[in-house]
Amino acid sequence: MTRFPLSARRLMLAALAAGPILLGAGPVFPTAGQAFAADDLHFSPNEIRGWSTRVFAGETEYRVVDLDGTRALQARARQRASAKYLEREIDLGETPYLQWCWRVSGVHEGLDETKKSGDDYPARVYVARKTGLLPWQVESVNYVWASSQPAGSAWPNAFTSRARLLALQSGDARVGEWVAEVRDVGADYRRLFGERATRIDGLALMSDGDNAGVDATAWFTHLAFSASPTPPACP
């Protein structure tokens, strides 16, 4: 786990928004010739809990819990911000669909999510891809459970133009419910960046509340890349 001084918080948040691989140390990509089978692309809550952590302004609390008879990763922000992330190359030609189930305890009322002061979400899932050899040459799509921006809307991250946010859920209409998501990641890159992605190089999730000093709890389960757009069977 890596901790950063508060004076560097905004720079680090911008880097995470641009993609978790910006902050990593050591090898990012699989060794030459290494491949992953489709059935290797299912990530259990225990596996995600073991992913690397990036801490920015205090640490989001991550725990594996039993909820509705299902194992889930629980993330509670408590006015803090840290992410769980995985550096891994995933071929979208083989498994183009990212799917997961998520649930939130509440939303952050009154935030302008297009501003730095409102860049907090009860739940978000990121994908990131390298677009060049330099460490900042990364583009990321952030799938968020928005508090105020309408579902289906997209906007640039307030810290960096290399990240785009896409609201899949919005407001409190489904708070307390499990919600299934399936995304064609390549198509989302084409919509948000103008070019269809053929692979991604990193995956992350988090709940954060540091910019506005807010709190919420999110739960994640059934996170996977799939060859099929069939949604996961949420609890």
C-alpha atoms as a PDB file:
ATOM      1  CA  MET A   1       0.000   0.000   0.000  1.00  0.00           C
ATOM      2  CA  THR A   2       1.308   3.435  -0.966  1.00  0.00           C
ATOM      3  CA  ARG A   3       0.443   6.638   0.903  1.00  0.00           C
ATOM      4  CA  PHE A   4       0.790  10.140  -0.503  1.00  0.00           C
ATOM      5  CA  PRO A   5       0.972  13.482   1.372  1.00  0.00           C
ATOM      6  CA  LEU A   6      -2.116  15.639   1.249  1.00  0.00           C
ATOM      7  CA  SER A   7      -0.177  18.276  -0.691  1.00  0.00           C
ATOM      8  CA  ALA A   8       0.043  15.786  -3.587  1.00  0.00           C
ATOM      9  CA  ARG A   9      -3.583  14.637  -3.348  1.00  0.00           C
ATOM     10  CA  ARG A  10      -4.921  16.506  -6.380  1.00  0.00           C
ATOM     11  CA  LEU A  11      -2.038  15.405  -8.590  1.00  0.00           C
ATOM     12  CA  MET A  12      -2.504  11.803  -7.515  1.00  0.00           C
ATOM     13  CA  LEU A  13      -6.270  11.929  -8.001  1.00  0.00           C
ATOM     14  CA  ALA A  14      -5.726  13.259 -11.495  1.00  0.00           C
ATOM     15  CA  ALA A  15      -3.368  10.389 -12.183  1.00  0.00           C
ATOM     16  CA  LEU A  16      -5.824   7.804 -10.902  1.00  0.00           C
ATOM     17  CA  ALA A  17      -8.603   9.379 -12.923  1.00  0.00           C
ATOM     18  CA  ALA A  18      -6.422   9.037 -16.002  1.00  0.00           C
ATOM     19  CA  GLY A  19      -5.900   5.380 -15.210  1.00  0.00           C
ATOM     20  CA  PRO A  20      -4.531   3.272 -12.379  1.00  0.00           C
ATOM     21  CA  ILE A  21      -1.491   2.196 -14.377  1.00  0.00           C
ATOM     22  CA  LEU A  22      -0.137   5.746 -14.201  1.00  0.00           C
ATOM     23  CA  LEU A  23       0.676   5.151 -10.553  1.00  0.00           C
ATOM     24  CA  GLY A  24       2.050   1.652 -10.721  1.00  0.00           C
ATOM     25  CA  ALA A  25       5.612   0.520 -10.261  1.00  0.00           C
ATOM     26  CA  GLY A  26       7.213  -2.432 -11.990  1.00  0.00           C
ATOM     27  CA  PRO A  27       5.869  -4.394 -14.974  1.00  0.00           C
ATOM     28  CA  VAL A  28       2.406  -3.514 -16.199  1.00  0.00           C
ATOM     29  CA  PHE A  29       1.958  -5.986 -19.020  1.00  0.00           C
ATOM     30  CA  PRO A  30       1.996  -9.798 -19.168  1.00  0.00           C
ATOM     31  CA  THR A  31       5.193 -11.409 -20.374  1.00  0.00           C
ATOM     32  CA  ALA A  32       5.539 -12.005 -24.098  1.00  0.00           C
ATOM     33  CA  GLY A  33       3.242 -14.714 -25.338  1.00  0.00           C
ATOM     34  CA  GLN A  34       1.247 -14.907 -22.111  1.00  0.00           C
ATOM     35  CA  ALA A  35      -2.500 -15.206 -22.658  1.00  0.00           C
ATOM     36  CA  PHE A  36      -5.527 -15.347 -20.411  1.00  0.00           C
ATOM     37  CA  ALA A  37      -8.447 -17.657 -21.041  1.00  0.00           C
ATOM     38  CA  ALA A  38     -11.967 -16.289 -20.817  1.00  0.00           C
ATOM     39  CA  ASP A  39     -12.672 -18.351 -17.715  1.00  0.00           C
ATOM     40  CA  ASP A  40      -9.731 -16.630 -15.979  1.00  0.00           C
ATOM     41  CA  LEU A  41     -11.468 -13.257 -16.174  1.00  0.00           C
ATOM     42  CA  HIS A  42     -13.838 -13.641 -13.252  1.00  0.00           C
ATOM     43  CA  PHE A  43     -12.706 -11.732 -10.176  1.00  0.00           C
ATOM     44  CA  SER A  44     -14.015 -12.841  -6.794  1.00  0.00           C
ATOM     45  CA  PRO A  45     -14.463 -10.345  -3.943  1.00  0.00           C
ATOM     46  CA  ASN A  46     -11.532 -11.962  -2.156  1.00  0.00           C
ATOM     47  CA  GLU A  47      -9.331 -11.517  -5.213  1.00  0.00           C
ATOM     48  CA  ILE A  48     -10.311  -7.866  -5.578  1.00  0.00           C
ATOM     49  CA  ARG A  49      -9.650  -7.270  -1.879  1.00  0.00           C
ATOM     50  CA  GLY A  50      -6.114  -8.501  -2.563  1.00  0.00           C
ATOM     51  CA  TRP A  51      -5.496  -6.116  -5.471  1.00  0.00           C
ATOM     52  CA  SER A  52      -3.040  -3.265  -5.031  1.00  0.00           C
ATOM     53  CA  THR A  53      -4.273  -0.210  -3.137  1.00  0.00           C
ATOM     54  CA  ARG A  54      -3.653   3.466  -3.904  1.00  0.00           C
ATOM     55  CA  VAL A  55      -4.346   5.797  -1.004  1.00  0.00           C
ATOM     56  CA  PHE A  56      -4.901   9.506  -1.625  1.00  0.00           C
ATOM     57  CA  ALA A  57      -6.764  11.240   1.207  1.00  0.00           C
ATOM     58  CA  GLY A  58      -7.162   8.586   3.849  1.00  0.00           C
ATOM     59  CA  GLU A  59      -8.155   5.039   3.023  1.00  0.00           C
ATOM     60  CA  THR A  60     -11.496   3.782   1.820  1.00  0.00           C
ATOM     61  CA  GLU A  61     -12.388   0.777   3.951  1.00  0.00           C
ATOM     62  CA  TYR A  62     -12.505  -2.443   1.902  1.00  0.00           C
ATOM     63  CA  ARG A  63     -13.894  -5.638   3.405  1.00  0.00           C
ATOM     64  CA  VAL A  64     -15.315  -8.901   2.088  1.00  0.00           C
ATOM     65  CA  VAL A  65     -18.785  -9.470   3.557  1.00  0.00           C
ATOM     66  CA  ASP A  66     -21.816 -11.723   3.180  1.00  0.00           C
ATOM     67  CA  LEU A  67     -24.780  -9.721   1.920  1.00  0.00           C
ATOM     68  CA  ASP A  68     -28.079 -11.314   0.905  1.00  0.00           C
ATOM     69  CA  GLY A  69     -26.334 -14.674   1.001  1.00  0.00           C
ATOM     70  CA  THR A  70     -23.678 -13.503  -1.487  1.00  0.00           C
ATOM     71  CA  ARG A  71     -20.019 -12.716  -0.964  1.00  0.00           C
ATOM     72  CA  ALA A  72     -19.344  -9.107  -1.909  1.00  0.00           C
ATOM     73  CA  LEU A  73     -16.597  -6.523  -1.612  1.00  0.00           C
ATOM     74  CA  GLN A  74     -17.761  -3.695   0.633  1.00  0.00           C
ATOM     75  CA  ALA A  75     -16.208  -0.250   0.137  1.00  0.00           C
ATOM     76  CA  ARG A  76     -16.961   2.566   2.587  1.00  0.00           C
ATOM     77  CA  ALA A  77     -15.625   6.030   1.780  1.00  0.00           C
ATOM     78  CA  ARG A  78     -15.813   7.844   5.177  1.00  0.00           C
ATOM     79  CA  GLN A  79     -14.690  11.132   3.565  1.00  0.00           C
ATOM     80  CA  ARG A  80     -11.632   9.330   2.169  1.00  0.00           C
ATOM     81  CA  ALA A  81     -10.327   8.126  -1.175  1.00  0.00           C
ATOM     82  CA  SER A  82      -8.417   5.005  -2.130  1.00  0.00           C
ATOM     83  CA  ALA A  83      -8.840   2.492  -4.926  1.00  0.00           C
ATOM     84  CA  LYS A  84      -8.317  -1.189  -5.531  1.00  0.00           C
ATOM     85  CA  TYR A  85      -6.661  -1.719  -8.905  1.00  0.00           C
ATOM     86  CA  LEU A  86      -5.283  -4.449 -11.127  1.00  0.00           C
ATOM     87  CA  GLU A  87      -2.622  -3.901 -13.805  1.00  0.00           C
ATOM     88  CA  ARG A  88      -3.368  -6.447 -16.489  1.00  0.00           C
ATOM     89  CA  GLU A  89      -3.725  -6.541 -20.259  1.00  0.00           C
ATOM     90  CA  ILE A  90      -7.121  -7.859 -21.344  1.00  0.00           C
ATOM     91  CA  ASP A  91      -7.958  -8.583 -24.989  1.00  0.00           C
ATOM     92  CA  LEU A  92     -11.354  -7.078 -25.775  1.00  0.00           C
ATOM     93  CA  GLY A  93     -11.523  -9.164 -28.933  1.00  0.00           C
ATOM     94  CA  GLU A  94     -11.832 -12.252 -26.724  1.00  0.00           C
ATOM     95  CA  THR A  95     -13.855 -10.808 -23.844  1.00  0.00           C
ATOM     96  CA  PRO A  96     -15.376  -7.482 -24.906  1.00  0.00           C
ATOM     97  CA  TYR A  97     -18.002  -7.185 -22.164  1.00  0.00           C
ATOM     98  CA  LEU A  98     -17.323  -5.970 -18.647  1.00  0.00           C
ATOM     99  CA  GLN A  99     -20.020  -7.004 -16.210  1.00  0.00           C
ATOM    100  CA  TRP A 100     -20.649  -6.649 -12.507  1.00  0.00           C
ATOM    101  CA  CYS A 101     -23.290  -6.187  -9.804  1.00  0.00           C
ATOM    102  CA  TRP A 102     -23.203  -3.182  -7.493  1.00  0.00           C
ATOM    103  CA  ARG A 103     -25.264  -1.653  -4.731  1.00  0.00           C
ATOM    104  CA  VAL A 104     -24.953   1.587  -2.749  1.00  0.00           C
ATOM    105  CA  SER A 105     -26.199   2.753   0.637  1.00  0.00           C
ATOM    106  CA  GLY A 106     -26.871   6.283  -0.578  1.00  0.00           C
ATOM    107  CA  VAL A 107     -25.732   9.076  -2.880  1.00  0.00           C
ATOM    108  CA  HIS A 108     -23.915  12.371  -2.335  1.00  0.00           C
ATOM    109  CA  GLU A 109     -26.597  15.042  -2.414  1.00  0.00           C
ATOM    110  CA  GLY A 110     -25.952  18.499  -3.838  1.00  0.00           C
ATOM    111  CA  LEU A 111     -22.659  17.857  -5.614  1.00  0.00           C
ATOM    112  CA  ASP A 112     -21.646  19.251  -8.985  1.00  0.00           C
ATOM    113  CA  GLU A 113     -19.814  16.200 -10.279  1.00  0.00           C
ATOM    114  CA  THR A 114     -18.277  18.118 -13.161  1.00  0.00           C
ATOM    115  CA  LYS A 115     -16.175  20.174 -10.678  1.00  0.00           C
ATOM    116  CA  LYS A 116     -13.134  19.115  -8.656  1.00  0.00           C
ATOM    117  CA  SER A 117     -14.993  19.851  -5.434  1.00  0.00           C
ATOM    118  CA  GLY A 118     -17.737  17.409  -6.438  1.00  0.00           C
ATOM    119  CA  ASP A 119     -15.651  14.609  -7.921  1.00  0.00           C
ATOM    120  CA  ASP A 120     -16.907  11.995  -5.438  1.00  0.00           C
ATOM    121  CA  TYR A 121     -19.021   8.918  -6.173  1.00  0.00           C
ATOM    122  CA  PRO A 122     -20.535   6.263  -3.944  1.00  0.00           C
ATOM    123  CA  ALA A 123     -19.339   3.670  -6.473  1.00  0.00           C
ATOM    124  CA  ARG A 124     -17.244   3.587  -9.612  1.00  0.00           C
ATOM    125  CA  VAL A 125     -15.503   1.022 -11.809  1.00  0.00           C
ATOM    126  CA  TYR A 126     -12.631   2.052 -14.103  1.00  0.00           C
ATOM    127  CA  VAL A 127     -10.983   0.625 -17.184  1.00  0.00           C
ATOM    128  CA  ALA A 128      -7.765   2.128 -18.550  1.00  0.00           C
ATOM    129  CA  ARG A 129      -5.658   1.681 -21.653  1.00  0.00           C
ATOM    130  CA  LYS A 130      -2.218   2.928 -22.627  1.00  0.00           C
ATOM    131  CA  THR A 131      -2.134   5.052 -25.776  1.00  0.00           C
ATOM    132  CA  GLY A 132       1.630   5.566 -25.944  1.00  0.00           C
ATOM    133  CA  LEU A 133       4.927   4.796 -24.259  1.00  0.00           C
ATOM    134  CA  LEU A 134       4.909   7.726 -21.848  1.00  0.00           C
ATOM    135  CA  PRO A 135       3.331   7.117 -18.427  1.00  0.00           C
ATOM    136  CA  TRP A 136       0.685   9.826 -18.812  1.00  0.00           C
ATOM    137  CA  GLN A 137      -0.459   8.497 -22.186  1.00  0.00           C
ATOM    138  CA  VAL A 138      -3.457   6.688 -20.736  1.00  0.00           C
ATOM    139  CA  GLU A 139      -7.185   6.979 -21.372  1.00  0.00           C
ATOM    140  CA  SER A 140      -9.746   5.727 -18.897  1.00  0.00           C
ATOM    141  CA  VAL A 141     -13.483   5.203 -18.809  1.00  0.00           C
ATOM    142  CA  ASN A 142     -15.012   5.641 -15.366  1.00  0.00           C
ATOM    143  CA  TYR A 143     -18.392   3.955 -14.915  1.00  0.00           C
ATOM    144  CA  VAL A 144     -20.054   5.736 -12.016  1.00  0.00           C
ATOM    145  CA  TRP A 145     -23.126   5.619  -9.846  1.00  0.00           C
ATOM    146  CA  ALA A 146     -23.805   9.355 -10.058  1.00  0.00           C
ATOM    147  CA  SER A 147     -25.540  11.484  -7.464  1.00  0.00           C
ATOM    148  CA  SER A 148     -26.711  14.360  -9.668  1.00  0.00           C
ATOM    149  CA  GLN A 149     -25.680  13.793 -13.294  1.00  0.00           C
ATOM    150  CA  PRO A 150     -28.413  11.904 -15.205  1.00  0.00           C
ATOM    151  CA  ALA A 151     -28.018   8.257 -16.112  1.00  0.00           C
ATOM    152  CA  GLY A 152     -26.570   7.867 -19.595  1.00  0.00           C
ATOM    153  CA  SER A 153     -24.701  11.171 -19.499  1.00  0.00           C
ATOM    154  CA  ALA A 154     -20.941  11.484 -19.936  1.00  0.00           C
ATOM    155  CA  TRP A 155     -18.469  14.254 -19.094  1.00  0.00           C
ATOM    156  CA  PRO A 156     -14.712  14.828 -18.750  1.00  0.00           C
ATOM    157  CA  ASN A 157     -13.126  14.215 -15.377  1.00  0.00           C
ATOM    158  CA  ALA A 158     -12.511  17.494 -13.553  1.00  0.00           C
ATOM    159  CA  PHE A 159      -8.844  16.651 -12.980  1.00  0.00           C
ATOM    160  CA  THR A 160      -7.829  15.410 -16.434  1.00  0.00           C
ATOM    161  CA  SER A 161      -9.196  15.293 -19.973  1.00  0.00           C
ATOM    162  CA  ARG A 162      -7.755  11.795 -20.361  1.00  0.00           C
ATOM    163  CA  ALA A 163     -10.594  10.370 -18.303  1.00  0.00           C
ATOM    164  CA  ARG A 164     -14.283  10.329 -19.166  1.00  0.00           C
ATOM    165  CA  LEU A 165     -17.074   9.576 -16.727  1.00  0.00           C
ATOM    166  CA  LEU A 166     -20.194   7.697 -17.759  1.00  0.00           C
ATOM    167  CA  ALA A 167     -23.174   7.613 -15.393  1.00  0.00           C
ATOM    168  CA  LEU A 168     -24.820   4.184 -15.443  1.00  0.00           C
ATOM    169  CA  GLN A 169     -27.039   4.823 -12.423  1.00  0.00           C
ATOM    170  CA  SER A 170     -28.098   8.145 -10.942  1.00  0.00           C
ATOM    171  CA  GLY A 171     -29.704   9.370  -7.756  1.00  0.00           C
ATOM    172  CA  ASP A 172     -31.440   7.359  -5.089  1.00  0.00           C
ATOM    173  CA  ALA A 173     -34.108   5.567  -7.152  1.00  0.00           C
ATOM    174  CA  ARG A 174     -32.291   2.224  -6.819  1.00  0.00           C
ATOM    175  CA  VAL A 175     -30.360   2.812  -3.597  1.00  0.00           C
ATOM    176  CA  GLY A 176     -30.303  -0.376  -1.532  1.00  0.00           C
ATOM    177  CA  GLU A 177     -30.866  -2.620  -4.582  1.00  0.00           C
ATOM    178  CA  TRP A 178     -28.434  -4.856  -6.415  1.00  0.00           C
ATOM    179  CA  VAL A 179     -28.079  -3.601  -9.999  1.00  0.00           C
ATOM    180  CA  ALA A 180     -26.544  -5.598 -12.861  1.00  0.00           C
ATOM    181  CA  GLU A 181     -24.332  -3.848 -15.428  1.00  0.00           C
ATOM    182  CA  VAL A 182     -22.918  -5.021 -18.758  1.00  0.00           C
ATOM    183  CA  ARG A 183     -20.747  -2.728 -20.878  1.00  0.00           C
ATOM    184  CA  ASP A 184     -19.200  -3.134 -24.309  1.00  0.00           C
ATOM    185  CA  VAL A 185     -15.914  -1.517 -23.310  1.00  0.00           C
ATOM    186  CA  GLY A 186     -14.624  -1.004 -26.840  1.00  0.00           C
ATOM    187  CA  ALA A 187     -17.845   0.721 -27.864  1.00  0.00           C
ATOM    188  CA  ASP A 188     -17.700   2.985 -24.809  1.00  0.00           C
ATOM    189  CA  TYR A 189     -14.166   4.039 -25.751  1.00  0.00           C
ATOM    190  CA  ARG A 190     -15.372   4.833 -29.259  1.00  0.00           C
ATOM    191  CA  ARG A 191     -18.229   6.949 -27.898  1.00  0.00           C
ATOM    192  CA  LEU A 192     -16.099   8.825 -25.360  1.00  0.00           C
ATOM    193  CA  PHE A 193     -12.706   9.058 -27.109  1.00  0.00           C
ATOM    194  CA  GLY A 194     -13.576   8.576 -30.790  1.00  0.00           C
ATOM    195  CA  GLU A 195     -11.700   5.297 -31.239  1.00  0.00           C
ATOM    196  CA  ARG A 196     -12.743   1.769 -30.340  1.00  0.00           C
ATOM    197  CA  ALA A 197     -10.374   0.113 -27.863  1.00  0.00           C
ATOM    198  CA  THR A 198      -9.126  -3.381 -28.684  1.00  0.00           C
ATOM    199  CA  ARG A 199      -7.647  -4.015 -25.245  1.00  0.00           C
ATOM    200  CA  ILE A 200      -7.381  -2.503 -21.794  1.00  0.00           C
ATOM    201  CA  ASP A 201      -4.349  -2.457 -19.502  1.00  0.00           C
ATOM    202  CA  GLY A 202      -5.870  -1.800 -16.093  1.00  0.00           C
ATOM    203  CA  LEU A 203      -9.028  -2.201 -14.041  1.00  0.00           C
ATOM    204  CA  ALA A 204     -10.019  -0.512 -10.767  1.00  0.00           C
ATOM    205  CA  LEU A 205     -12.936   0.191  -8.466  1.00  0.00           C
ATOM    206  CA  MET A 206     -13.564   2.454  -5.535  1.00  0.00           C
ATOM    207  CA  SER A 207     -15.920   4.479  -3.359  1.00  0.00           C
ATOM    208  CA  ASP A 208     -14.681   7.980  -2.536  1.00  0.00           C
ATOM    209  CA  GLY A 209     -15.840  11.012  -0.603  1.00  0.00           C
ATOM    210  CA  ASP A 210     -12.748  13.111   0.091  1.00  0.00           C
ATOM    211  CA  ASN A 211     -13.332  16.177  -2.075  1.00  0.00           C
ATOM    212  CA  ALA A 212     -16.727  17.044  -0.604  1.00  0.00           C
ATOM    213  CA  GLY A 213     -16.223  15.342   2.765  1.00  0.00           C
ATOM    214  CA  VAL A 214     -19.030  12.821   2.233  1.00  0.00           C
ATOM    215  CA  ASP A 215     -19.638   9.181   3.089  1.00  0.00           C
ATOM    216  CA  ALA A 216     -21.315   6.234   1.379  1.00  0.00           C
ATOM    217  CA  THR A 217     -20.926   2.480   1.219  1.00  0.00           C
ATOM    218  CA  ALA A 218     -20.846   0.420  -1.971  1.00  0.00           C
ATOM    219  CA  TRP A 219     -20.859  -3.318  -2.564  1.00  0.00           C
ATOM    220  CA  PHE A 220     -19.458  -5.091  -5.632  1.00  0.00           C
ATOM    221  CA  THR A 221     -19.731  -8.698  -6.800  1.00  0.00           C
ATOM    222  CA  HIS A 222     -19.737 -10.817 -10.012  1.00  0.00           C
ATOM    223  CA  LEU A 223     -17.026  -8.643 -11.620  1.00  0.00           C
ATOM    224  CA  ALA A 224     -15.904 -10.279 -14.869  1.00  0.00           C
ATOM    225  CA  PHE A 225     -14.953  -9.884 -18.509  1.00  0.00           C
ATOM    226  CA  SER A 226     -17.107 -12.015 -20.790  1.00  0.00           C
ATOM    227  CA  ALA A 227     -17.537 -12.975 -24.431  1.00  0.00           C
ATOM    228  CA  SER A 228     -21.305 -12.655 -23.968  1.00  0.00           C
ATOM    229  CA  PRO A 229     -23.437  -9.575 -23.186  1.00  0.00           C
ATOM    230  CA  THR A 230     -25.636 -11.625 -20.858  1.00  0.00           C
ATOM    231  CA  PRO A 231     -25.946  -9.692 -17.583  1.00  0.00           C
ATOM    232  CA  PRO A 232     -24.783 -11.293 -14.343  1.00  0.00           C
ATOM    233  CA  ALA A 233     -27.358 -12.836 -12.016  1.00  0.00           C
ATOM    234  CA  CYS A 234     -27.298 -10.388  -9.131  1.00  0.00           C
ATOM    235  CA  PRO A 235     -28.498 -11.460  -5.677  1.00  0.00           C
END
